[in-house]
Amino acid sequence: MAGLVNKGTCAEMGTEIINVSGLGVIAASDLVDAAKKIAKAVKG
């Protein structure tokens, strides 16, 4: 079942809260998304 993502019922709302929190946290939807965002953040 590769590619199947199970998200909670409030995943979108939680991501939005993280994004506007000002905490300097980068929200990701899965490990692939997280790896891409980390690589981009490190490169500047």
PDB file of N, CA and C in Angstrom:
ATOM      1  N   MET A   1       0.818  -1.193   0.000  1.00  0.00           N
ATOM      2  CA  MET A   1       0.000   0.000   0.000  1.00  0.00           C
ATOM      3  C   MET A   1       0.862   1.257   0.000  1.00  0.00           C
ATOM      4  N   ALA A   2       1.908   1.270  -0.758  1.00  0.00           N
ATOM      5  CA  ALA A   2       2.775   2.435  -0.848  1.00  0.00           C
ATOM      6  C   ALA A   2       1.984   3.626  -1.353  1.00  0.00           C
ATOM      7  N   GLY A   3       2.243   4.777  -0.779  1.00  0.00           N
ATOM      8  CA  GLY A   3       1.574   5.992  -1.201  1.00  0.00           C
ATOM      9  C   GLY A   3       0.293   6.298  -0.445  1.00  0.00           C
ATOM     10  N   LEU A   4      -0.166   5.373   0.377  1.00  0.00           N
ATOM     11  CA  LEU A   4      -1.386   5.591   1.149  1.00  0.00           C
ATOM     12  C   LEU A   4      -1.048   6.442   2.368  1.00  0.00           C
ATOM     13  N   VAL A   5      -1.709   7.573   2.497  1.00  0.00           N
ATOM     14  CA  VAL A   5      -1.466   8.473   3.622  1.00  0.00           C
ATOM     15  C   VAL A   5      -2.723   8.563   4.455  1.00  0.00           C
ATOM     16  N   ASN A   6      -2.587   8.252   5.728  1.00  0.00           N
ATOM     17  CA  ASN A   6      -3.698   8.336   6.655  1.00  0.00           C
ATOM     18  C   ASN A   6      -3.502   9.570   7.523  1.00  0.00           C
ATOM     19  N   LYS A   7      -4.363  10.572   7.343  1.00  0.00           N
ATOM     20  CA  LYS A   7      -4.265  11.810   8.104  1.00  0.00           C
ATOM     21  C   LYS A   7      -5.413  11.887   9.084  1.00  0.00           C
ATOM     22  N   GLY A   8      -5.187  12.577  10.161  1.00  0.00           N
ATOM     23  CA  GLY A   8      -6.234  12.780  11.149  1.00  0.00           C
ATOM     24  C   GLY A   8      -7.312  13.711  10.627  1.00  0.00           C
ATOM     25  N   THR A   9      -8.396  13.792  11.347  1.00  0.00           N
ATOM     26  CA  THR A   9      -9.537  14.588  10.906  1.00  0.00           C
ATOM     27  C   THR A   9      -9.253  16.082  10.928  1.00  0.00           C
ATOM     28  N   CYS A  10      -8.272  16.509  11.689  1.00  0.00           N
ATOM     29  CA  CYS A  10      -7.954  17.946  11.789  1.00  0.00           C
ATOM     30  C   CYS A  10      -6.557  18.245  11.259  1.00  0.00           C
ATOM     31  N   ALA A  11      -6.039  17.409  10.370  1.00  0.00           N
ATOM     32  CA  ALA A  11      -4.669  17.567   9.875  1.00  0.00           C
ATOM     33  C   ALA A  11      -4.456  18.910   9.190  1.00  0.00           C
ATOM     34  N   GLU A  12      -5.389  19.309   8.341  1.00  0.00           N
ATOM     35  CA  GLU A  12      -5.232  20.582   7.637  1.00  0.00           C
ATOM     36  C   GLU A  12      -5.266  21.766   8.602  1.00  0.00           C
ATOM     37  N   MET A  13      -6.157  21.728   9.565  1.00  0.00           N
ATOM     38  CA  MET A  13      -6.245  22.804  10.537  1.00  0.00           C
ATOM     39  C   MET A  13      -4.974  22.855  11.395  1.00  0.00           C
ATOM     40  N   GLY A  14      -4.471  21.704  11.785  1.00  0.00           N
ATOM     41  CA  GLY A  14      -3.247  21.652  12.575  1.00  0.00           C
ATOM     42  C   GLY A  14      -2.053  22.199  11.817  1.00  0.00           C
ATOM     43  N   THR A  15      -1.952  21.864  10.532  1.00  0.00           N
ATOM     44  CA  THR A  15      -0.869  22.374   9.700  1.00  0.00           C
ATOM     45  C   THR A  15      -0.946  23.888   9.603  1.00  0.00           C
ATOM     46  N   GLU A  16      -2.125  24.419   9.425  1.00  0.00           N
ATOM     47  CA  GLU A  16      -2.301  25.866   9.342  1.00  0.00           C
ATOM     48  C   GLU A  16      -1.908  26.543  10.649  1.00  0.00           C
ATOM     49  N   ILE A  17      -2.283  25.969  11.772  1.00  0.00           N
ATOM     50  CA  ILE A  17      -1.918  26.521  13.077  1.00  0.00           C
ATOM     51  C   ILE A  17      -0.404  26.564  13.214  1.00  0.00           C
ATOM     52  N   ILE A  18       0.279  25.496  12.823  1.00  0.00           N
ATOM     53  CA  ILE A  18       1.744  25.464  12.887  1.00  0.00           C
ATOM     54  C   ILE A  18       2.338  26.532  11.976  1.00  0.00           C
ATOM     55  N   ASN A  19       1.803  26.645  10.756  1.00  0.00           N
ATOM     56  CA  ASN A  19       2.355  27.590   9.787  1.00  0.00           C
ATOM     57  C   ASN A  19       2.235  29.041  10.227  1.00  0.00           C
ATOM     58  N   VAL A  20       1.188  29.410  10.946  1.00  0.00           N
ATOM     59  CA  VAL A  20       0.994  30.803  11.355  1.00  0.00           C
ATOM     60  C   VAL A  20       1.433  31.059  12.798  1.00  0.00           C
ATOM     61  N   SER A  21       1.987  30.063  13.467  1.00  0.00           N
ATOM     62  CA  SER A  21       2.336  30.194  14.880  1.00  0.00           C
ATOM     63  C   SER A  21       3.529  31.107  15.146  1.00  0.00           C
ATOM     64  N   GLY A  22       4.392  31.283  14.150  1.00  0.00           N
ATOM     65  CA  GLY A  22       5.585  32.090  14.362  1.00  0.00           C
ATOM     66  C   GLY A  22       6.685  31.360  15.114  1.00  0.00           C
ATOM     67  N   LEU A  23       6.545  30.063  15.286  1.00  0.00           N
ATOM     68  CA  LEU A  23       7.517  29.289  16.056  1.00  0.00           C
ATOM     69  C   LEU A  23       8.736  28.842  15.253  1.00  0.00           C
ATOM     70  N   GLY A  24       8.742  29.092  13.962  1.00  0.00           N
ATOM     71  CA  GLY A  24       9.868  28.645  13.145  1.00  0.00           C
ATOM     72  C   GLY A  24       9.842  27.152  12.877  1.00  0.00           C
ATOM     73  N   VAL A  25       8.671  26.550  12.972  1.00  0.00           N
ATOM     74  CA  VAL A  25       8.493  25.130  12.703  1.00  0.00           C
ATOM     75  C   VAL A  25       7.973  24.974  11.283  1.00  0.00           C
ATOM     76  N   ILE A  26       8.518  24.019  10.556  1.00  0.00           N
ATOM     77  CA  ILE A  26       8.070  23.754   9.196  1.00  0.00           C
ATOM     78  C   ILE A  26       7.231  22.484   9.214  1.00  0.00           C
ATOM     79  N   ALA A  27       5.957  22.614   8.867  1.00  0.00           N
ATOM     80  CA  ALA A  27       5.054  21.461   8.851  1.00  0.00           C
ATOM     81  C   ALA A  27       5.253  20.676   7.557  1.00  0.00           C
ATOM     82  N   ALA A  28       5.165  19.355   7.641  1.00  0.00           N
ATOM     83  CA  ALA A  28       5.288  18.493   6.467  1.00  0.00           C
ATOM     84  C   ALA A  28       4.166  17.462   6.495  1.00  0.00           C
ATOM     85  N   SER A  29       3.753  17.042   5.304  1.00  0.00           N
ATOM     86  CA  SER A  29       2.636  16.107   5.217  1.00  0.00           C
ATOM     87  C   SER A  29       3.071  14.650   5.346  1.00  0.00           C
ATOM     88  N   ASP A  30       4.343  14.365   5.015  1.00  0.00           N
ATOM     89  CA  ASP A  30       4.873  13.009   5.141  1.00  0.00           C
ATOM     90  C   ASP A  30       6.407  13.095   5.124  1.00  0.00           C
ATOM     91  N   LEU A  31       7.077  11.951   5.191  1.00  0.00           N
ATOM     92  CA  LEU A  31       8.535  11.970   5.266  1.00  0.00           C
ATOM     93  C   LEU A  31       9.197  12.485   3.991  1.00  0.00           C
ATOM     94  N   VAL A  32       8.608  12.215   2.844  1.00  0.00           N
ATOM     95  CA  VAL A  32       9.159  12.726   1.589  1.00  0.00           C
ATOM     96  C   VAL A  32       9.052  14.249   1.565  1.00  0.00           C
ATOM     97  N   ASP A  33       7.896  14.765   1.938  1.00  0.00           N
ATOM     98  CA  ASP A  33       7.692  16.208   2.002  1.00  0.00           C
ATOM     99  C   ASP A  33       8.662  16.824   3.009  1.00  0.00           C
ATOM    100  N   ALA A  34       8.848  16.181   4.147  1.00  0.00           N
ATOM    101  CA  ALA A  34       9.767  16.686   5.170  1.00  0.00           C
ATOM    102  C   ALA A  34      11.197  16.728   4.645  1.00  0.00           C
ATOM    103  N   ALA A  35      11.631  15.684   3.951  1.00  0.00           N
ATOM    104  CA  ALA A  35      12.989  15.650   3.408  1.00  0.00           C
ATOM    105  C   ALA A  35      13.210  16.777   2.401  1.00  0.00           C
ATOM    106  N   LYS A  36      12.232  17.011   1.546  1.00  0.00           N
ATOM    107  CA  LYS A  36      12.336  18.103   0.564  1.00  0.00           C
ATOM    108  C   LYS A  36      12.421  19.450   1.255  1.00  0.00           C
ATOM    109  N   LYS A  37      11.597  19.655   2.286  1.00  0.00           N
ATOM    110  CA  LYS A  37      11.585  20.935   2.997  1.00  0.00           C
ATOM    111  C   LYS A  37      12.867  21.145   3.792  1.00  0.00           C
ATOM    112  N   ILE A  38      13.415  20.073   4.368  1.00  0.00           N
ATOM    113  CA  ILE A  38      14.688  20.179   5.092  1.00  0.00           C
ATOM    114  C   ILE A  38      15.811  20.557   4.135  1.00  0.00           C
ATOM    115  N   ALA A  39      15.865  19.892   2.993  1.00  0.00           N
ATOM    116  CA  ALA A  39      16.912  20.180   1.998  1.00  0.00           C
ATOM    117  C   ALA A  39      16.817  21.635   1.544  1.00  0.00           C
ATOM    118  N   LYS A  40      15.606  22.109   1.311  1.00  0.00           N
ATOM    119  CA  LYS A  40      15.412  23.491   0.878  1.00  0.00           C
ATOM    120  C   LYS A  40      15.827  24.473   1.982  1.00  0.00           C
ATOM    121  N   ALA A  41      15.479  24.174   3.230  1.00  0.00           N
ATOM    122  CA  ALA A  41      15.816  25.057   4.342  1.00  0.00           C
ATOM    123  C   ALA A  41      17.329  25.121   4.574  1.00  0.00           C
ATOM    124  N   VAL A  42      18.008  24.010   4.407  1.00  0.00           N
ATOM    125  CA  VAL A  42      19.452  23.960   4.624  1.00  0.00           C
ATOM    126  C   VAL A  42      20.190  24.740   3.539  1.00  0.00           C
ATOM    127  N   LYS A  43      19.677  24.645   2.303  1.00  0.00           N
ATOM    128  CA  LYS A  43      20.309  25.357   1.188  1.00  0.00           C
ATOM    129  C   LYS A  43      20.112  26.858   1.290  1.00  0.00           C
ATOM    130  N   GLY A  44      19.059  27.253   2.003  1.00  0.00           N
ATOM    131  CA  GLY A  44      18.801  28.679   2.187  1.00  0.00           C
ATOM    132  C   GLY A  44      17.929  29.226   1.222  1.00  0.00           C
TER     133      GLY A  44
END
